[in-house]
C-alpha atoms as a PDB file:
ATOM      1  CA  MET A   1      -0.085  -5.980 -36.928  1.00  0.00           C
ATOM      2  CA  LYS A   2      -2.513  -3.889 -37.839  1.00  0.00           C
ATOM      3  CA  ILE A   3      -3.246  -4.727 -34.019  1.00  0.00           C
ATOM      4  CA  VAL A   4      -0.018  -3.699 -32.439  1.00  0.00           C
ATOM      5  CA  PRO A   5      -0.792  -0.081 -33.041  1.00  0.00           C
ATOM      6  CA  LEU A   6      -4.177  -0.399 -31.726  1.00  0.00           C
ATOM      7  CA  ILE A   7      -2.854  -2.221 -28.517  1.00  0.00           C
ATOM      8  CA  VAL A   8      -0.554   0.473 -28.190  1.00  0.00           C
ATOM      9  CA  LEU A   9      -2.838   3.504 -28.201  1.00  0.00           C
ATOM     10  CA  ALA A  10      -5.681   1.767 -25.882  1.00  0.00           C
ATOM     11  CA  THR A  11      -2.412   1.208 -23.718  1.00  0.00           C
ATOM     12  CA  SER A  12      -1.552   4.643 -23.876  1.00  0.00           C
ATOM     13  CA  VAL A  13      -4.960   6.239 -22.892  1.00  0.00           C
ATOM     14  CA  LEU A  14      -5.566   3.411 -19.782  1.00  0.00           C
ATOM     15  CA  VAL A  15      -2.294   5.306 -18.598  1.00  0.00           C
ATOM     16  CA  THR A  16      -2.751   8.359 -19.526  1.00  0.00           C
ATOM     17  CA  GLY A  17      -5.107  11.279 -19.323  1.00  0.00           C
ATOM     18  CA  CYS A  18      -7.246  12.456 -16.650  1.00  0.00           C
ATOM     19  CA  ALA A  19     -11.242  11.950 -15.749  1.00  0.00           C
ATOM     20  CA  SER A  20     -12.434  14.310 -13.371  1.00  0.00           C
ATOM     21  CA  VAL A  21     -15.985  14.411 -11.592  1.00  0.00           C
ATOM     22  CA  GLY A  22     -17.601  16.831  -9.205  1.00  0.00           C
ATOM     23  CA  MET A  23     -16.480  17.035  -6.438  1.00  0.00           C
ATOM     24  CA  ALA A  24     -17.641  17.849  -3.074  1.00  0.00           C
ATOM     25  CA  PRO A  25     -17.002  20.495  -0.607  1.00  0.00           C
ATOM     26  CA  LYS A  26     -13.270  20.706   0.821  1.00  0.00           C
ATOM     27  CA  GLU A  27     -15.015  20.481   4.512  1.00  0.00           C
ATOM     28  CA  GLU A  28     -17.052  17.565   3.582  1.00  0.00           C
ATOM     29  CA  SER A  29     -14.157  15.452   2.360  1.00  0.00           C
ATOM     30  CA  ALA A  30     -12.180  16.878   5.554  1.00  0.00           C
ATOM     31  CA  LYS A  31     -14.772  15.626   7.867  1.00  0.00           C
ATOM     32  CA  ALA A  32     -15.206  12.194   6.339  1.00  0.00           C
ATOM     33  CA  LYS A  33     -11.129  12.279   6.647  1.00  0.00           C
ATOM     34  CA  GLN A  34     -11.975  12.478  10.626  1.00  0.00           C
ATOM     35  CA  PHE A  35     -12.903   8.655  10.331  1.00  0.00           C
ATOM     36  CA  ASN A  36     -15.710   9.119  12.715  1.00  0.00           C
ATOM     37  CA  PRO A  37     -18.125   6.212  13.647  1.00  0.00           C
ATOM     38  CA  PRO A  38     -21.209   5.971  11.761  1.00  0.00           C
ATOM     39  CA  SER A  39     -25.059   7.377  12.960  1.00  0.00           C
ATOM     40  CA  ALA A  40     -26.700   4.567  14.530  1.00  0.00           C
ATOM     41  CA  ASN A  41     -27.359   1.296  13.597  1.00  0.00           C
ATOM     42  CA  ASN A  42     -25.334   2.247  10.299  1.00  0.00           C
ATOM     43  CA  ALA A  43     -22.242   1.070   8.806  1.00  0.00           C
ATOM     44  CA  GLY A  44     -20.158   3.841   7.705  1.00  0.00           C
ATOM     45  CA  LEU A  45     -18.525   2.933   3.442  1.00  0.00           C
ATOM     46  CA  TYR A  46     -15.952   4.638   2.192  1.00  0.00           C
ATOM     47  CA  VAL A  47     -15.559   3.366  -1.624  1.00  0.00           C
ATOM     48  CA  TYR A  48     -12.419   5.070  -3.501  1.00  0.00           C
ATOM     49  CA  ARG A  49      -9.763   4.232  -6.028  1.00  0.00           C
ATOM     50  CA  ASN A  50      -6.388   5.519  -6.172  1.00  0.00           C
ATOM     51  CA  SER A  51      -4.742   3.020  -8.803  1.00  0.00           C
ATOM     52  CA  PHE A  52      -2.402   4.963 -11.360  1.00  0.00           C
ATOM     53  CA  MET A  53      -4.373   3.001 -14.115  1.00  0.00           C
ATOM     54  CA  GLY A  54      -6.392   4.650 -16.251  1.00  0.00           C
ATOM     55  CA  LYS A  55      -6.296   7.574 -15.052  1.00  0.00           C
ATOM     56  CA  ALA A  56      -8.915   8.751 -18.462  1.00  0.00           C
ATOM     57  CA  LEU A  57     -11.271   6.111 -17.168  1.00  0.00           C
ATOM     58  CA  LYS A  58     -15.176   7.088 -14.820  1.00  0.00           C
ATOM     59  CA  LYS A  59     -16.844   4.591 -13.270  1.00  0.00           C
ATOM     60  CA  ASP A  60     -19.679   4.010 -11.773  1.00  0.00           C
ATOM     61  CA  ILE A  61     -19.851   2.767  -8.571  1.00  0.00           C
ATOM     62  CA  TRP A  62     -23.127   1.138  -7.056  1.00  0.00           C
ATOM     63  CA  ILE A  63     -24.135  -0.136  -4.185  1.00  0.00           C
ATOM     64  CA  ASP A  64     -26.934  -2.628  -3.599  1.00  0.00           C
ATOM     65  CA  GLY A  65     -28.039  -1.313  -7.196  1.00  0.00           C
ATOM     66  CA  LYS A  66     -27.822   2.268  -6.708  1.00  0.00           C
ATOM     67  CA  CYS A  67     -25.846   4.820  -8.110  1.00  0.00           C
ATOM     68  CA  LEU A  68     -23.146   6.214  -5.260  1.00  0.00           C
ATOM     69  CA  GLY A  69     -21.200   8.269  -8.098  1.00  0.00           C
ATOM     70  CA  GLU A  70     -18.966   8.098 -10.928  1.00  0.00           C
ATOM     71  CA  SER A  71     -15.041   7.223  -9.809  1.00  0.00           C
ATOM     72  CA  ALA A  72     -12.074   8.967 -11.228  1.00  0.00           C
ATOM     73  CA  PRO A  73      -8.097   8.711 -10.280  1.00  0.00           C
ATOM     74  CA  ASN A  74      -7.595  10.080  -6.895  1.00  0.00           C
ATOM     75  CA  VAL A  75     -11.150  10.753  -5.470  1.00  0.00           C
ATOM     76  CA  PHE A  76     -12.962   8.873  -2.721  1.00  0.00           C
ATOM     77  CA  PHE A  77     -17.270   8.143  -1.870  1.00  0.00           C
ATOM     78  CA  TYR A  78     -18.457   7.632   2.150  1.00  0.00           C
ATOM     79  CA  THR A  79     -21.742   7.339   3.021  1.00  0.00           C
ATOM     80  CA  GLU A  80     -23.827   4.373   4.931  1.00  0.00           C
ATOM     81  CA  VAL A  81     -25.736   1.920   5.353  1.00  0.00           C
ATOM     82  CA  ALA A  82     -27.713  -0.339   7.136  1.00  0.00           C
ATOM     83  CA  GLY A  83     -25.809  -1.635   9.638  1.00  0.00           C
ATOM     84  CA  GLY A  84     -26.376  -5.887  10.357  1.00  0.00           C
ATOM     85  CA  LYS A  85     -26.760  -6.839   6.719  1.00  0.00           C
ATOM     86  CA  SER A  86     -24.990  -7.595   3.902  1.00  0.00           C
ATOM     87  CA  ILE A  87     -24.709  -5.323   1.261  1.00  0.00           C
ATOM     88  CA  LYS A  88     -23.092  -5.610  -2.443  1.00  0.00           C
ATOM     89  CA  VAL A  89     -20.285  -3.014  -4.127  1.00  0.00           C
ATOM     90  CA  SER A  90     -20.768  -3.314  -7.577  1.00  0.00           C
ATOM     91  CA  THR A  91     -18.675  -1.216 -10.861  1.00  0.00           C
ATOM     92  CA  GLU A  92     -18.661  -1.644 -13.870  1.00  0.00           C
ATOM     93  CA  SER A  93     -16.472  -3.769 -15.991  1.00  0.00           C
ATOM     94  CA  GLU A  94     -15.802  -4.537 -19.899  1.00  0.00           C
ATOM     95  CA  PHE A  95     -18.655  -7.227 -20.060  1.00  0.00           C
ATOM     96  CA  SER A  96     -20.294  -7.477 -17.024  1.00  0.00           C
ATOM     97  CA  PRO A  97     -20.347  -6.150 -13.912  1.00  0.00           C
ATOM     98  CA  ASN A  98     -17.835  -6.679 -10.708  1.00  0.00           C
ATOM     99  CA  ASP A  99     -19.684  -7.221  -7.133  1.00  0.00           C
ATOM    100  CA  LEU A 100     -19.158  -6.944  -3.600  1.00  0.00           C
ATOM    101  CA  VAL A 101     -20.762  -9.004  -0.985  1.00  0.00           C
ATOM    102  CA  LEU A 102     -20.053  -7.262   2.285  1.00  0.00           C
ATOM    103  CA  ASN A 103     -21.782  -8.352   5.597  1.00  0.00           C
ATOM    104  CA  VAL A 104     -21.197  -5.278   7.794  1.00  0.00           C
ATOM    105  CA  ASP A 105     -21.422  -4.582  11.817  1.00  0.00           C
ATOM    106  CA  SER A 106     -23.234  -1.176  12.610  1.00  0.00           C
ATOM    107  CA  GLY A 107     -20.548   1.405  14.076  1.00  0.00           C
ATOM    108  CA  LYS A 108     -18.014   0.479  11.897  1.00  0.00           C
ATOM    109  CA  ASN A 109     -16.431   1.924   9.192  1.00  0.00           C
ATOM    110  CA  TYR A 110     -15.422  -0.010   6.058  1.00  0.00           C
ATOM    111  CA  PHE A 111     -12.967   0.531   2.874  1.00  0.00           C
ATOM    112  CA  VAL A 112     -13.149  -0.849  -0.596  1.00  0.00           C
ATOM    113  CA  ARG A 113     -10.749  -0.153  -2.936  1.00  0.00           C
ATOM    114  CA  GLN A 114     -11.767   0.068  -6.993  1.00  0.00           C
ATOM    115  CA  TYR A 115      -9.418  -0.932  -9.399  1.00  0.00           C
ATOM    116  CA  ILE A 116      -8.974  -0.735 -13.507  1.00  0.00           C
ATOM    117  CA  LYS A 117      -8.006  -3.536 -15.351  1.00  0.00           C
ATOM    118  CA  ILE A 118      -6.732  -3.975 -18.199  1.00  0.00           C
ATOM    119  CA  GLY A 119      -9.438  -5.228 -20.892  1.00  0.00           C
ATOM    120  CA  ALA A 120      -9.969  -6.641 -24.060  1.00  0.00           C
ATOM    121  CA  PHE A 121     -11.707  -3.319 -25.886  1.00  0.00           C
ATOM    122  CA  VAL A 122     -11.421  -0.417 -23.055  1.00  0.00           C
ATOM    123  CA  GLY A 123     -10.376  -1.293 -19.519  1.00  0.00           C
ATOM    124  CA  GLY A 124     -12.688  -2.413 -16.684  1.00  0.00           C
ATOM    125  CA  ALA A 125     -12.700  -2.082 -12.777  1.00  0.00           C
ATOM    126  CA  GLY A 126     -13.154  -4.515 -10.255  1.00  0.00           C
ATOM    127  CA  VAL A 127     -14.265  -3.600  -6.108  1.00  0.00           C
ATOM    128  CA  GLU A 128     -11.701  -5.107  -2.924  1.00  0.00           C
ATOM    129  CA  LEU A 129     -12.398  -5.203   0.405  1.00  0.00           C
ATOM    130  CA  ILE A 130      -8.776  -3.122   1.802  1.00  0.00           C
ATOM    131  CA  PRO A 131      -7.970  -4.003   5.851  1.00  0.00           C
ATOM    132  CA  GLU A 132      -8.738  -0.688   8.120  1.00  0.00           C
ATOM    133  CA  GLN A 133      -5.589   1.275   8.292  1.00  0.00           C
ATOM    134  CA  GLN A 134      -4.521   0.948   4.932  1.00  0.00           C
ATOM    135  CA  GLY A 135      -7.913   2.014   3.560  1.00  0.00           C
ATOM    136  CA  LYS A 136      -7.526   5.446   5.940  1.00  0.00           C
ATOM    137  CA  THR A 137      -3.675   5.695   4.702  1.00  0.00           C
ATOM    138  CA  ASP A 138      -5.050   6.230   1.037  1.00  0.00           C
ATOM    139  CA  ILE A 139      -8.222   8.058   1.781  1.00  0.00           C
ATOM    140  CA  ALA A 140      -6.050  11.015   3.858  1.00  0.00           C
ATOM    141  CA  GLU A 141      -4.004  11.130   0.116  1.00  0.00           C
ATOM    142  CA  LEU A 142      -7.472  11.403  -1.608  1.00  0.00           C
ATOM    143  CA  GLU A 143     -10.266  14.002  -1.645  1.00  0.00           C
ATOM    144  CA  MET A 144     -14.185  13.481  -1.843  1.00  0.00           C
ATOM    145  CA  ALA A 145     -16.683  13.713  -5.087  1.00  0.00           C
ATOM    146  CA  LYS A 146     -20.352  14.310  -5.278  1.00  0.00           C
ATOM    147  CA  PRO A 147     -22.484  10.975  -5.043  1.00  0.00           C
ATOM    148  CA  GLY A 148     -25.644  10.493  -6.888  1.00  0.00           C
ATOM    149  CA  THR A 149     -23.764  11.053 -10.427  1.00  0.00           C
ATOM    150  CA  CYS A 150     -23.720   7.458 -12.748  1.00  0.00           C
ATOM    151  CA  SER A 151     -22.859   7.591 -16.277  1.00  0.00           C
ATOM    152  CA  GLY A 152     -25.189   3.796 -17.165  1.00  0.00           C
ATOM    153  CA  ALA A 153     -28.114   1.886 -15.774  1.00  0.00           C
ATOM    154  CA  LYS A 154     -27.979  -0.462 -13.139  1.00  0.00           C
END
């Protein structure tokens, strides 16, 4: 019977509160929302989080083992990666990283959504590829976070 209050407390933390991260300048965010093609030989990568769950949680995002940044609710990141190859987008979860491997083409933009899922002790996270039009619609409502700060080592 003692476990029921712990479950209620953990669930309330996952759906309430609000984590915050450093934000990019508004001008930079607005420019990224123009969804221009990436520079020559590169692919554009948008990684975002717009889920209702886990508003108090921050979760690291990694591209090929390098820190992209720490996410929070209603933020996105934009970066360019070399086109014509596979990349790995990773996020931390409760027990292990969750990875998404993408084959990216030069000149295209890709949209990856990070989502929070309930775990045994704390919320975990996953990543999924989103169709371009849905990604653009979702990101139009978000603001860009500053890249480069992750809380854990990869």
